[in-house]
């Protein structure tokens, strides 16, 4: 990854910016432009949802014509960039005309930031992502504990309820026991004492 970062961020880029595109999207327009005074490149009329879609269409045309120039958006501007120290882009988007000439890169800067600023930014992003991950873990733990408490409340044993049931069943057993004892005594009287009368 470090090699990739070195490759991406240690290249001096020369940029050329258009003026602000004060258009309302979706914007239905044809695009015509040329690079370094070459043959004009025309992109058919299309309803572009936003400035990024418009920039994507221009980038596709640049790639298909094998031009070593790229485009990105910054605010309402189209920014053309290349490793070439001198290039120009001129064109029209609907009724909007733009001319952009490469500017010198800022000295000892990497993508408009010092190397120290870049690494500070990377560290800050890693810190924010780490903090976000820890927060998500904490939230998931809280949810898991809540679900466990609900499960326990549904399937768990209540000691008060069990004690109440035990007392109830004990009284029922005692009552049944007395009933059986009474019947046993009655049968004993009938068998043993009533039989003496007939002798």
N, C-alpha and C. Protein backbone atom coordinates (compact mmCIF):
# COMPACT_ATOMS: atom_id res chain seq x y z
N UNK A 1 0.83 -1.19 0.00
CA UNK A 1 0.00 0.00 0.00
C UNK A 1 0.87 1.25 0.00
N UNK A 2 1.99 1.23 0.72
CA UNK A 2 2.86 2.41 0.77
C UNK A 2 3.41 2.71 -0.61
N UNK A 3 3.77 1.64 -1.35
CA UNK A 3 4.27 1.86 -2.71
C UNK A 3 3.21 2.53 -3.57
N UNK A 4 1.97 2.10 -3.39
CA UNK A 4 0.88 2.71 -4.15
C UNK A 4 0.71 4.17 -3.77
N UNK A 5 0.80 4.46 -2.47
CA UNK A 5 0.68 5.84 -2.02
C UNK A 5 1.81 6.70 -2.58
N UNK A 6 3.02 6.15 -2.57
CA UNK A 6 4.15 6.90 -3.12
C UNK A 6 3.91 7.18 -4.60
N UNK A 7 3.39 6.18 -5.29
CA UNK A 7 3.14 6.36 -6.73
C UNK A 7 2.08 7.43 -6.96
N UNK A 8 1.01 7.39 -6.14
CA UNK A 8 -0.10 8.31 -6.36
C UNK A 8 0.22 9.73 -5.92
N UNK A 9 0.96 9.88 -4.84
CA UNK A 9 1.08 11.19 -4.23
C UNK A 9 2.42 11.88 -4.49
N UNK A 10 3.36 11.20 -5.09
CA UNK A 10 4.64 11.84 -5.36
C UNK A 10 4.79 12.26 -6.81
N UNK A 11 3.69 12.25 -7.57
CA UNK A 11 3.71 12.72 -8.95
C UNK A 11 3.32 14.18 -8.96
N UNK A 12 4.13 15.00 -9.62
CA UNK A 12 3.75 16.40 -9.77
C UNK A 12 2.66 16.51 -10.81
N UNK A 13 1.57 17.10 -10.42
CA UNK A 13 0.47 17.26 -11.35
C UNK A 13 0.31 18.73 -11.70
N UNK A 14 0.11 18.97 -12.98
CA UNK A 14 -0.16 20.32 -13.47
C UNK A 14 -1.66 20.40 -13.75
N UNK A 15 -2.30 21.41 -13.23
CA UNK A 15 -3.75 21.50 -13.35
C UNK A 15 -4.17 22.70 -14.18
N UNK A 16 -5.34 22.58 -14.77
CA UNK A 16 -5.96 23.68 -15.51
C UNK A 16 -7.43 23.67 -15.15
N UNK A 17 -7.92 24.79 -14.61
CA UNK A 17 -9.30 24.84 -14.13
C UNK A 17 -10.16 25.67 -15.05
N UNK A 18 -11.39 25.22 -15.25
CA UNK A 18 -12.37 26.04 -15.95
C UNK A 18 -12.95 27.03 -14.95
N UNK A 19 -13.73 27.96 -15.43
CA UNK A 19 -14.46 28.83 -14.52
C UNK A 19 -15.62 28.07 -13.90
N UNK A 20 -16.34 28.73 -13.00
CA UNK A 20 -17.51 28.09 -12.38
C UNK A 20 -18.57 27.82 -13.44
N UNK A 21 -19.08 26.59 -13.43
CA UNK A 21 -20.16 26.22 -14.34
C UNK A 21 -21.48 26.55 -13.65
N UNK A 22 -22.00 27.71 -13.95
CA UNK A 22 -23.25 28.14 -13.30
C UNK A 22 -24.44 27.62 -14.10
N UNK A 23 -24.59 26.30 -14.09
CA UNK A 23 -25.69 25.67 -14.81
C UNK A 23 -26.52 24.87 -13.81
N UNK A 24 -27.76 24.64 -14.16
CA UNK A 24 -28.67 23.88 -13.30
C UNK A 24 -28.78 22.46 -13.83
N UNK A 25 -28.59 21.49 -12.94
CA UNK A 25 -28.70 20.09 -13.31
C UNK A 25 -30.06 19.55 -12.91
N UNK A 26 -30.62 18.60 -13.66
CA UNK A 26 -30.04 17.94 -14.83
C UNK A 26 -29.89 18.90 -16.00
N UNK A 27 -28.74 18.78 -16.70
CA UNK A 27 -28.39 19.71 -17.77
C UNK A 27 -28.27 18.95 -19.07
N UNK A 28 -29.06 19.37 -20.04
CA UNK A 28 -29.10 18.69 -21.33
C UNK A 28 -28.22 19.47 -22.30
N UNK A 29 -27.03 18.92 -22.60
CA UNK A 29 -26.10 19.68 -23.43
C UNK A 29 -25.18 18.76 -24.20
N UNK A 30 -24.68 19.29 -25.32
CA UNK A 30 -23.62 18.61 -26.07
C UNK A 30 -22.29 19.23 -25.63
N UNK A 31 -21.23 18.45 -25.65
CA UNK A 31 -19.91 18.93 -25.21
C UNK A 31 -18.94 18.84 -26.38
N UNK A 32 -18.25 19.93 -26.63
CA UNK A 32 -17.19 19.94 -27.65
C UNK A 32 -15.96 20.56 -27.02
N UNK A 33 -14.81 19.88 -27.14
CA UNK A 33 -13.58 20.45 -26.58
C UNK A 33 -12.38 19.90 -27.34
N UNK A 34 -11.26 20.56 -27.16
CA UNK A 34 -10.01 20.09 -27.77
C UNK A 34 -8.89 20.27 -26.75
N UNK A 35 -7.86 19.44 -26.89
CA UNK A 35 -6.70 19.49 -26.01
C UNK A 35 -5.49 19.88 -26.84
N UNK A 36 -4.75 20.89 -26.36
CA UNK A 36 -3.54 21.37 -27.03
C UNK A 36 -3.81 21.73 -28.49
N UNK A 37 -4.98 22.28 -28.76
CA UNK A 37 -5.30 22.72 -30.11
C UNK A 37 -5.49 21.60 -31.10
N UNK A 38 -5.69 20.38 -30.63
CA UNK A 38 -5.89 19.25 -31.53
C UNK A 38 -7.29 19.24 -32.11
N UNK A 39 -7.61 18.11 -32.74
CA UNK A 39 -8.94 17.99 -33.35
C UNK A 39 -10.02 18.08 -32.28
N UNK A 40 -11.13 18.74 -32.59
CA UNK A 40 -12.21 18.84 -31.60
C UNK A 40 -12.84 17.48 -31.31
N UNK A 41 -13.18 17.29 -30.06
CA UNK A 41 -13.83 16.06 -29.60
C UNK A 41 -15.26 16.44 -29.22
N UNK A 42 -16.21 15.73 -29.78
CA UNK A 42 -17.62 16.04 -29.52
C UNK A 42 -18.28 14.88 -28.78
N UNK A 43 -18.98 15.22 -27.71
CA UNK A 43 -19.74 14.23 -26.94
C UNK A 43 -21.21 14.53 -27.20
N UNK A 44 -22.00 13.54 -27.64
CA UNK A 44 -23.40 13.78 -27.99
C UNK A 44 -24.19 14.38 -26.82
N UNK A 45 -25.27 15.06 -27.18
CA UNK A 45 -26.13 15.69 -26.18
C UNK A 45 -26.75 14.64 -25.28
N UNK A 46 -26.75 14.95 -23.99
CA UNK A 46 -27.28 14.01 -23.01
C UNK A 46 -27.71 14.80 -21.78
N UNK A 47 -28.69 14.29 -21.05
CA UNK A 47 -29.13 14.95 -19.81
C UNK A 47 -28.23 14.48 -18.67
N UNK A 48 -27.33 15.35 -18.22
CA UNK A 48 -26.39 14.99 -17.16
C UNK A 48 -27.02 15.30 -15.80
N UNK A 49 -26.98 14.30 -14.92
CA UNK A 49 -27.63 14.44 -13.61
C UNK A 49 -26.90 15.43 -12.71
N UNK A 50 -25.58 15.47 -12.81
CA UNK A 50 -24.80 16.41 -12.00
C UNK A 50 -23.46 16.64 -12.67
N UNK A 51 -22.63 17.48 -12.03
CA UNK A 51 -21.34 17.84 -12.62
C UNK A 51 -20.41 16.63 -12.70
N UNK A 52 -20.53 15.71 -11.76
CA UNK A 52 -19.68 14.51 -11.79
C UNK A 52 -19.98 13.65 -13.01
N UNK A 53 -21.27 13.51 -13.36
CA UNK A 53 -21.63 12.74 -14.56
C UNK A 53 -21.07 13.40 -15.81
N UNK A 54 -21.11 14.73 -15.83
CA UNK A 54 -20.57 15.46 -16.97
C UNK A 54 -19.06 15.24 -17.07
N UNK A 55 -18.36 15.30 -15.92
CA UNK A 55 -16.92 15.05 -15.90
C UNK A 55 -16.60 13.62 -16.33
N UNK A 56 -17.45 12.65 -15.94
CA UNK A 56 -17.23 11.26 -16.35
C UNK A 56 -17.31 11.12 -17.87
N UNK A 57 -18.27 11.83 -18.48
CA UNK A 57 -18.40 11.77 -19.95
C UNK A 57 -17.17 12.35 -20.63
N UNK A 58 -16.65 13.47 -20.09
CA UNK A 58 -15.44 14.07 -20.67
C UNK A 58 -14.25 13.14 -20.49
N UNK A 59 -14.12 12.51 -19.30
CA UNK A 59 -12.99 11.60 -19.05
C UNK A 59 -13.03 10.41 -19.99
N UNK A 60 -14.23 9.89 -20.25
CA UNK A 60 -14.37 8.76 -21.17
C UNK A 60 -13.89 9.14 -22.56
N UNK A 61 -14.24 10.36 -22.99
CA UNK A 61 -13.79 10.83 -24.31
C UNK A 61 -12.28 11.03 -24.34
N UNK A 62 -11.71 11.54 -23.25
CA UNK A 62 -10.24 11.71 -23.17
C UNK A 62 -9.54 10.36 -23.28
N UNK A 63 -10.07 9.37 -22.57
CA UNK A 63 -9.46 8.04 -22.59
C UNK A 63 -9.57 7.40 -23.97
N UNK A 64 -10.72 7.55 -24.61
CA UNK A 64 -10.91 6.92 -25.92
C UNK A 64 -10.04 7.56 -26.99
N UNK A 65 -9.62 8.82 -26.76
CA UNK A 65 -8.74 9.50 -27.72
C UNK A 65 -7.27 9.43 -27.30
N UNK A 66 -6.98 8.59 -26.27
CA UNK A 66 -5.60 8.36 -25.81
C UNK A 66 -4.89 9.66 -25.45
N UNK A 67 -5.59 10.56 -24.77
CA UNK A 67 -5.00 11.82 -24.34
C UNK A 67 -4.56 11.68 -22.88
N UNK A 68 -3.35 12.12 -22.57
CA UNK A 68 -2.79 11.97 -21.22
C UNK A 68 -3.26 13.11 -20.32
N UNK A 69 -4.54 13.36 -20.34
CA UNK A 69 -5.15 14.40 -19.51
C UNK A 69 -6.35 13.79 -18.81
N UNK A 70 -6.53 14.15 -17.54
CA UNK A 70 -7.66 13.66 -16.76
C UNK A 70 -8.49 14.84 -16.30
N UNK A 71 -9.67 14.56 -15.82
CA UNK A 71 -10.56 15.63 -15.35
C UNK A 71 -11.23 15.20 -14.05
N UNK A 72 -11.43 16.16 -13.17
CA UNK A 72 -12.16 15.93 -11.93
C UNK A 72 -12.98 17.19 -11.63
N UNK A 73 -13.82 17.12 -10.63
CA UNK A 73 -14.62 18.29 -10.26
C UNK A 73 -14.13 18.84 -8.93
N UNK A 74 -14.14 20.14 -8.83
CA UNK A 74 -13.87 20.83 -7.56
C UNK A 74 -14.89 21.94 -7.44
N UNK A 75 -15.87 21.73 -6.57
CA UNK A 75 -16.96 22.70 -6.48
C UNK A 75 -17.75 22.71 -7.77
N UNK A 76 -17.84 23.89 -8.40
CA UNK A 76 -18.55 24.01 -9.68
C UNK A 76 -17.58 24.12 -10.84
N UNK A 77 -16.32 23.74 -10.61
CA UNK A 77 -15.31 23.83 -11.66
C UNK A 77 -14.93 22.46 -12.18
N UNK A 78 -14.56 22.43 -13.45
CA UNK A 78 -13.90 21.25 -14.02
C UNK A 78 -12.41 21.50 -13.94
N UNK A 79 -11.68 20.56 -13.36
CA UNK A 79 -10.24 20.70 -13.23
C UNK A 79 -9.58 19.62 -14.08
N UNK A 80 -8.84 20.05 -15.08
CA UNK A 80 -8.09 19.13 -15.93
C UNK A 80 -6.68 19.04 -15.37
N UNK A 81 -6.11 17.83 -15.34
CA UNK A 81 -4.76 17.69 -14.80
C UNK A 81 -3.98 16.65 -15.58
N UNK A 82 -2.66 16.83 -15.55
CA UNK A 82 -1.78 15.95 -16.29
C UNK A 82 -0.38 16.08 -15.72
N UNK A 83 0.49 15.13 -16.05
CA UNK A 83 1.89 15.25 -15.66
C UNK A 83 2.65 16.13 -16.65
N UNK A 84 2.01 16.48 -17.74
CA UNK A 84 2.62 17.37 -18.72
C UNK A 84 2.65 18.79 -18.17
N UNK A 85 3.80 19.45 -18.31
CA UNK A 85 3.96 20.80 -17.76
C UNK A 85 3.19 21.84 -18.55
N UNK A 86 2.80 21.51 -19.76
CA UNK A 86 2.12 22.50 -20.59
C UNK A 86 1.03 21.83 -21.40
N UNK A 87 -0.20 22.18 -21.10
CA UNK A 87 -1.31 21.70 -21.91
C UNK A 87 -2.45 22.70 -21.79
N UNK A 88 -3.28 22.72 -22.78
CA UNK A 88 -4.44 23.62 -22.77
C UNK A 88 -5.68 22.82 -23.14
N UNK A 89 -6.79 23.23 -22.58
CA UNK A 89 -8.08 22.61 -22.90
C UNK A 89 -9.05 23.74 -23.21
N UNK A 90 -9.72 23.64 -24.33
CA UNK A 90 -10.72 24.64 -24.71
C UNK A 90 -11.95 23.92 -25.20
N UNK A 91 -13.12 24.45 -24.86
CA UNK A 91 -14.33 23.79 -25.33
C UNK A 91 -15.58 24.53 -24.95
N UNK A 92 -16.70 23.92 -25.32
CA UNK A 92 -18.01 24.47 -25.00
C UNK A 92 -18.90 23.37 -24.43
N UNK A 93 -19.69 23.75 -23.45
CA UNK A 93 -20.70 22.87 -22.88
C UNK A 93 -22.01 23.62 -23.02
N UNK A 94 -22.80 23.26 -24.01
CA UNK A 94 -24.00 24.03 -24.30
C UNK A 94 -23.61 25.44 -24.72
N UNK A 95 -24.04 26.43 -23.95
CA UNK A 95 -23.68 27.83 -24.25
C UNK A 95 -22.48 28.29 -23.43
N UNK A 96 -21.94 27.41 -22.58
CA UNK A 96 -20.81 27.78 -21.72
C UNK A 96 -19.50 27.47 -22.44
N UNK A 97 -18.63 28.47 -22.56
CA UNK A 97 -17.32 28.29 -23.19
C UNK A 97 -16.24 28.38 -22.12
N UNK A 98 -15.26 27.48 -22.21
CA UNK A 98 -14.17 27.53 -21.23
C UNK A 98 -12.82 27.35 -21.93
N UNK A 99 -11.82 28.00 -21.37
CA UNK A 99 -10.43 27.84 -21.79
C UNK A 99 -9.61 27.63 -20.54
N UNK A 100 -8.81 26.60 -20.51
CA UNK A 100 -8.02 26.29 -19.33
C UNK A 100 -6.59 26.00 -19.75
N UNK A 101 -5.64 26.66 -19.09
CA UNK A 101 -4.22 26.47 -19.38
C UNK A 101 -3.54 25.94 -18.13
N UNK A 102 -2.61 25.00 -18.32
CA UNK A 102 -1.93 24.38 -17.19
C UNK A 102 -1.19 25.43 -16.37
N UNK A 103 -1.24 25.26 -15.07
CA UNK A 103 -0.53 26.15 -14.15
C UNK A 103 0.61 25.38 -13.51
N UNK A 104 1.63 26.13 -13.06
CA UNK A 104 2.75 25.48 -12.38
C UNK A 104 2.27 24.88 -11.07
N UNK A 105 2.77 23.70 -10.72
CA UNK A 105 2.39 23.12 -9.42
C UNK A 105 3.01 23.91 -8.28
N UNK A 106 2.40 23.83 -7.13
CA UNK A 106 2.95 24.51 -5.96
C UNK A 106 4.24 23.80 -5.56
N UNK A 107 5.28 24.54 -5.27
CA UNK A 107 6.57 23.95 -4.95
C UNK A 107 6.55 23.06 -3.73
N UNK A 108 7.20 21.92 -3.84
CA UNK A 108 7.33 20.96 -2.75
C UNK A 108 5.98 20.57 -2.15
N UNK A 109 4.99 20.50 -3.00
CA UNK A 109 3.67 20.12 -2.52
C UNK A 109 3.23 18.83 -3.20
N UNK A 110 2.41 18.07 -2.53
CA UNK A 110 1.88 16.84 -3.06
C UNK A 110 0.37 16.99 -3.12
N UNK A 111 -0.16 17.07 -4.34
CA UNK A 111 -1.61 17.28 -4.49
C UNK A 111 -2.11 18.46 -3.65
N UNK A 112 -1.43 19.59 -3.75
CA UNK A 112 -1.78 20.83 -3.05
C UNK A 112 -1.65 20.69 -1.54
N UNK A 113 -0.82 19.79 -1.06
CA UNK A 113 -0.59 19.64 0.37
C UNK A 113 0.83 19.15 0.57
N UNK A 114 1.45 19.55 1.70
CA UNK A 114 2.79 19.05 1.98
C UNK A 114 2.70 17.58 2.34
N UNK A 115 3.85 16.90 2.28
CA UNK A 115 3.88 15.48 2.65
C UNK A 115 3.45 15.30 4.10
N UNK A 116 3.88 16.24 4.97
CA UNK A 116 3.48 16.17 6.37
C UNK A 116 1.97 16.30 6.52
N UNK A 117 1.38 17.24 5.77
CA UNK A 117 -0.08 17.40 5.81
C UNK A 117 -0.79 16.13 5.35
N UNK A 118 -0.22 15.52 4.30
CA UNK A 118 -0.84 14.30 3.77
C UNK A 118 -0.84 13.20 4.82
N UNK A 119 0.33 12.96 5.46
CA UNK A 119 0.40 11.88 6.43
C UNK A 119 -0.45 12.20 7.66
N UNK A 120 -0.52 13.47 8.03
CA UNK A 120 -1.42 13.85 9.13
C UNK A 120 -2.86 13.51 8.77
N UNK A 121 -3.22 13.79 7.52
CA UNK A 121 -4.58 13.49 7.06
C UNK A 121 -4.84 11.99 7.09
N UNK A 122 -3.87 11.19 6.63
CA UNK A 122 -4.02 9.73 6.64
C UNK A 122 -4.21 9.23 8.07
N UNK A 123 -3.36 9.73 8.99
CA UNK A 123 -3.46 9.30 10.40
C UNK A 123 -4.81 9.71 11.00
N UNK A 124 -5.26 10.92 10.66
CA UNK A 124 -6.56 11.37 11.17
C UNK A 124 -7.68 10.49 10.65
N UNK A 125 -7.61 10.12 9.37
CA UNK A 125 -8.65 9.25 8.80
C UNK A 125 -8.64 7.88 9.46
N UNK A 126 -7.44 7.33 9.70
CA UNK A 126 -7.35 6.03 10.38
C UNK A 126 -7.93 6.13 11.79
N UNK A 127 -7.61 7.25 12.49
CA UNK A 127 -8.14 7.45 13.83
C UNK A 127 -9.66 7.53 13.85
N UNK A 128 -10.22 8.27 12.91
CA UNK A 128 -11.67 8.40 12.83
C UNK A 128 -12.32 7.05 12.53
N UNK A 129 -11.73 6.30 11.59
CA UNK A 129 -12.28 4.99 11.25
C UNK A 129 -12.20 4.04 12.44
N UNK A 130 -11.07 4.10 13.18
CA UNK A 130 -10.91 3.25 14.36
C UNK A 130 -11.94 3.60 15.43
N UNK A 131 -12.13 4.91 15.66
CA UNK A 131 -13.10 5.35 16.64
C UNK A 131 -14.51 4.92 16.25
N UNK A 132 -14.81 5.03 14.97
CA UNK A 132 -16.13 4.62 14.48
C UNK A 132 -16.34 3.12 14.69
N UNK A 133 -15.28 2.33 14.44
CA UNK A 133 -15.37 0.88 14.63
C UNK A 133 -15.61 0.53 16.10
N UNK A 134 -14.87 1.21 17.00
CA UNK A 134 -15.05 0.95 18.43
C UNK A 134 -16.47 1.32 18.89
N UNK A 135 -16.99 2.43 18.36
CA UNK A 135 -18.34 2.84 18.71
C UNK A 135 -19.37 1.81 18.24
N UNK A 136 -19.15 1.28 17.04
CA UNK A 136 -20.06 0.26 16.51
C UNK A 136 -20.01 -1.01 17.35
N UNK A 137 -18.79 -1.40 17.78
CA UNK A 137 -18.65 -2.59 18.63
C UNK A 137 -19.40 -2.39 19.95
N UNK A 138 -19.25 -1.18 20.53
CA UNK A 138 -19.92 -0.88 21.79
C UNK A 138 -21.44 -0.94 21.63
N UNK A 139 -21.93 -0.38 20.53
CA UNK A 139 -23.38 -0.41 20.26
C UNK A 139 -23.88 -1.84 20.09
N UNK A 140 -23.09 -2.67 19.38
CA UNK A 140 -23.50 -4.06 19.18
C UNK A 140 -23.51 -4.82 20.51
N UNK A 141 -22.53 -4.54 21.38
CA UNK A 141 -22.51 -5.18 22.70
C UNK A 141 -23.75 -4.80 23.52
N UNK A 142 -24.13 -3.51 23.44
CA UNK A 142 -25.32 -3.05 24.16
C UNK A 142 -26.57 -3.76 23.65
N UNK A 143 -26.69 -3.86 22.33
CA UNK A 143 -27.84 -4.55 21.75
C UNK A 143 -27.86 -6.02 22.14
N UNK A 144 -26.68 -6.66 22.13
CA UNK A 144 -26.59 -8.07 22.49
C UNK A 144 -27.01 -8.29 23.94
N UNK A 145 -26.56 -7.40 24.84
CA UNK A 145 -26.94 -7.52 26.25
C UNK A 145 -28.44 -7.34 26.44
N UNK A 146 -29.02 -6.39 25.70
CA UNK A 146 -30.46 -6.15 25.78
C UNK A 146 -31.25 -7.38 25.32
N UNK A 147 -30.79 -7.98 24.22
CA UNK A 147 -31.46 -9.19 23.72
C UNK A 147 -31.32 -10.34 24.71
N UNK A 148 -30.16 -10.47 25.34
CA UNK A 148 -29.95 -11.53 26.32
C UNK A 148 -30.86 -11.34 27.52
N UNK A 149 -31.02 -10.08 27.96
CA UNK A 149 -31.92 -9.80 29.09
C UNK A 149 -33.36 -10.16 28.75
N UNK A 150 -33.78 -9.84 27.52
CA UNK A 150 -35.14 -10.18 27.10
C UNK A 150 -35.32 -11.70 27.04
N UNK A 151 -34.30 -12.41 26.55
CA UNK A 151 -34.38 -13.87 26.48
C UNK A 151 -34.51 -14.46 27.88
N UNK A 152 -33.71 -13.93 28.82
CA UNK A 152 -33.76 -14.43 30.19
C UNK A 152 -35.12 -14.15 30.83
N UNK A 153 -35.70 -12.96 30.51
CA UNK A 153 -36.99 -12.62 31.12
C UNK A 153 -38.10 -13.53 30.61
N UNK A 154 -37.96 -14.02 29.37
CA UNK A 154 -38.98 -14.91 28.81
C UNK A 154 -38.78 -16.34 29.28
N UNK A 155 -37.53 -16.82 29.24
CA UNK A 155 -37.28 -18.24 29.53
C UNK A 155 -36.78 -18.49 30.95
N UNK A 156 -36.46 -17.47 31.70
CA UNK A 156 -35.89 -17.65 33.03
C UNK A 156 -36.91 -18.12 34.06
N UNK A 157 -36.42 -18.58 35.25
CA UNK A 157 -37.27 -19.08 36.33
C UNK A 157 -37.43 -17.99 37.38
N UNK A 158 -38.69 -17.73 37.77
CA UNK A 158 -38.96 -16.76 38.84
C UNK A 158 -39.08 -17.53 40.15
N UNK A 159 -38.23 -17.22 41.13
CA UNK A 159 -38.24 -17.94 42.40
C UNK A 159 -39.54 -17.70 43.16
N UNK A 160 -40.06 -16.49 43.09
CA UNK A 160 -41.32 -16.19 43.79
C UNK A 160 -42.46 -17.04 43.23
N UNK A 161 -42.51 -17.13 41.90
CA UNK A 161 -43.57 -17.91 41.27
C UNK A 161 -43.44 -19.38 41.61
N UNK A 162 -42.20 -19.89 41.61
CA UNK A 162 -41.99 -21.31 41.93
C UNK A 162 -42.35 -21.61 43.38
N UNK A 163 -42.02 -20.67 44.29
CA UNK A 163 -42.36 -20.88 45.71
C UNK A 163 -43.88 -20.89 45.91
N UNK A 164 -44.57 -20.00 45.22
CA UNK A 164 -46.03 -19.95 45.30
C UNK A 164 -46.65 -21.26 44.82
N UNK A 165 -46.14 -21.76 43.69
CA UNK A 165 -46.65 -23.04 43.15
C UNK A 165 -46.38 -24.19 44.11
N UNK A 166 -45.19 -24.17 44.73
CA UNK A 166 -44.84 -25.27 45.64
C UNK A 166 -45.78 -25.28 46.85
N UNK A 167 -46.08 -24.11 47.41
CA UNK A 167 -47.00 -24.04 48.55
C UNK A 167 -48.40 -24.49 48.13
N UNK A 168 -48.84 -24.06 46.95
CA UNK A 168 -50.16 -24.45 46.45
C UNK A 168 -50.25 -25.96 46.29
N UNK A 169 -49.23 -26.56 45.69
CA UNK A 169 -49.25 -28.01 45.48
C UNK A 169 -49.16 -28.77 46.81
N UNK A 170 -48.44 -28.20 47.78
CA UNK A 170 -48.35 -28.85 49.09
C UNK A 170 -49.71 -28.87 49.78
N UNK A 171 -50.43 -27.75 49.72
CA UNK A 171 -51.77 -27.70 50.32
C UNK A 171 -52.71 -28.68 49.60
N UNK A 172 -52.59 -28.76 48.29
CA UNK A 172 -53.44 -29.70 47.54
C UNK A 172 -53.12 -31.14 47.94
N UNK A 173 -51.84 -31.44 48.14
CA UNK A 173 -51.43 -32.79 48.56
C UNK A 173 -51.98 -33.11 49.95
N UNK A 174 -51.87 -32.14 50.87
CA UNK A 174 -52.37 -32.35 52.23
C UNK A 174 -53.88 -32.60 52.23
N UNK A 175 -54.60 -31.82 51.42
CA UNK A 175 -56.06 -32.00 51.35
C UNK A 175 -56.41 -33.37 50.80
N UNK A 176 -55.72 -33.79 49.73
CA UNK A 176 -55.98 -35.11 49.15
C UNK A 176 -55.64 -36.21 50.14
N UNK A 177 -54.57 -36.02 50.89
CA UNK A 177 -54.14 -37.01 51.88
C UNK A 177 -55.19 -37.17 52.98
N UNK A 178 -55.75 -36.06 53.46
CA UNK A 178 -56.79 -36.12 54.50
C UNK A 178 -58.05 -36.81 53.97
N UNK A 179 -58.38 -36.51 52.71
CA UNK A 179 -59.57 -37.13 52.12
C UNK A 179 -59.41 -38.64 52.06
N UNK A 180 -58.24 -39.10 51.63
CA UNK A 180 -57.99 -40.55 51.55
C UNK A 180 -57.99 -41.18 52.94
N UNK A 181 -57.42 -40.48 53.92
CA UNK A 181 -57.41 -41.01 55.31
C UNK A 181 -58.84 -41.16 55.84
N UNK A 182 -59.68 -40.18 55.56
CA UNK A 182 -61.08 -40.23 56.00
C UNK A 182 -61.81 -41.42 55.37
N UNK A 183 -61.63 -41.63 54.08
CA UNK A 183 -62.27 -42.76 53.40
C UNK A 183 -61.75 -44.08 53.96
N UNK A 184 -60.46 -44.14 54.23
CA UNK A 184 -59.86 -45.37 54.78
C UNK A 184 -60.46 -45.70 56.15
N UNK A 185 -60.65 -44.66 56.97
CA UNK A 185 -61.24 -44.87 58.29
C UNK A 185 -62.70 -45.34 58.16
N UNK A 186 -63.42 -44.75 57.19
CA UNK A 186 -64.83 -45.15 57.00
C UNK A 186 -64.92 -46.60 56.57
N UNK A 187 -64.06 -47.04 55.67
CA UNK A 187 -64.06 -48.44 55.21
C UNK A 187 -63.71 -49.38 56.36
N UNK A 188 -62.75 -48.95 57.18
CA UNK A 188 -62.37 -49.80 58.32
C UNK A 188 -63.55 -49.99 59.28
N UNK A 189 -64.30 -48.93 59.53
CA UNK A 189 -65.47 -49.02 60.42
C UNK A 189 -66.51 -49.96 59.83
N UNK A 190 -66.75 -49.84 58.53
CA UNK A 190 -67.77 -50.67 57.88
C UNK A 190 -67.36 -52.14 57.92
N UNK A 191 -66.14 -52.46 57.66
CA UNK A 191 -65.70 -53.84 57.57
C UNK A 191 -65.55 -54.47 58.96
N UNK A 192 -64.94 -53.81 59.85
CA UNK A 192 -64.58 -54.43 61.12
C UNK A 192 -65.67 -54.32 62.20
N UNK A 193 -66.44 -53.24 62.20
CA UNK A 193 -67.37 -53.03 63.30
C UNK A 193 -68.82 -53.35 62.93
N UNK A 194 -69.20 -53.07 61.74
CA UNK A 194 -70.58 -53.35 61.37
C UNK A 194 -70.81 -54.85 61.18
N UNK A 195 -69.79 -55.59 60.92
CA UNK A 195 -69.94 -57.04 60.73
C UNK A 195 -70.26 -57.77 62.02
N UNK A 196 -70.01 -57.22 63.21
CA UNK A 196 -70.23 -57.87 64.50
C UNK A 196 -71.73 -57.99 64.83
N UNK A 197 -72.56 -57.18 64.27
CA UNK A 197 -73.99 -57.16 64.60
C UNK A 197 -74.66 -58.47 64.16
N UNK A 198 -74.24 -59.01 63.07
CA UNK A 198 -74.90 -60.20 62.54
C UNK A 198 -74.41 -61.49 63.14
N UNK A 199 -73.46 -61.53 64.02
CA UNK A 199 -72.93 -62.77 64.59
C UNK A 199 -73.77 -63.35 65.69
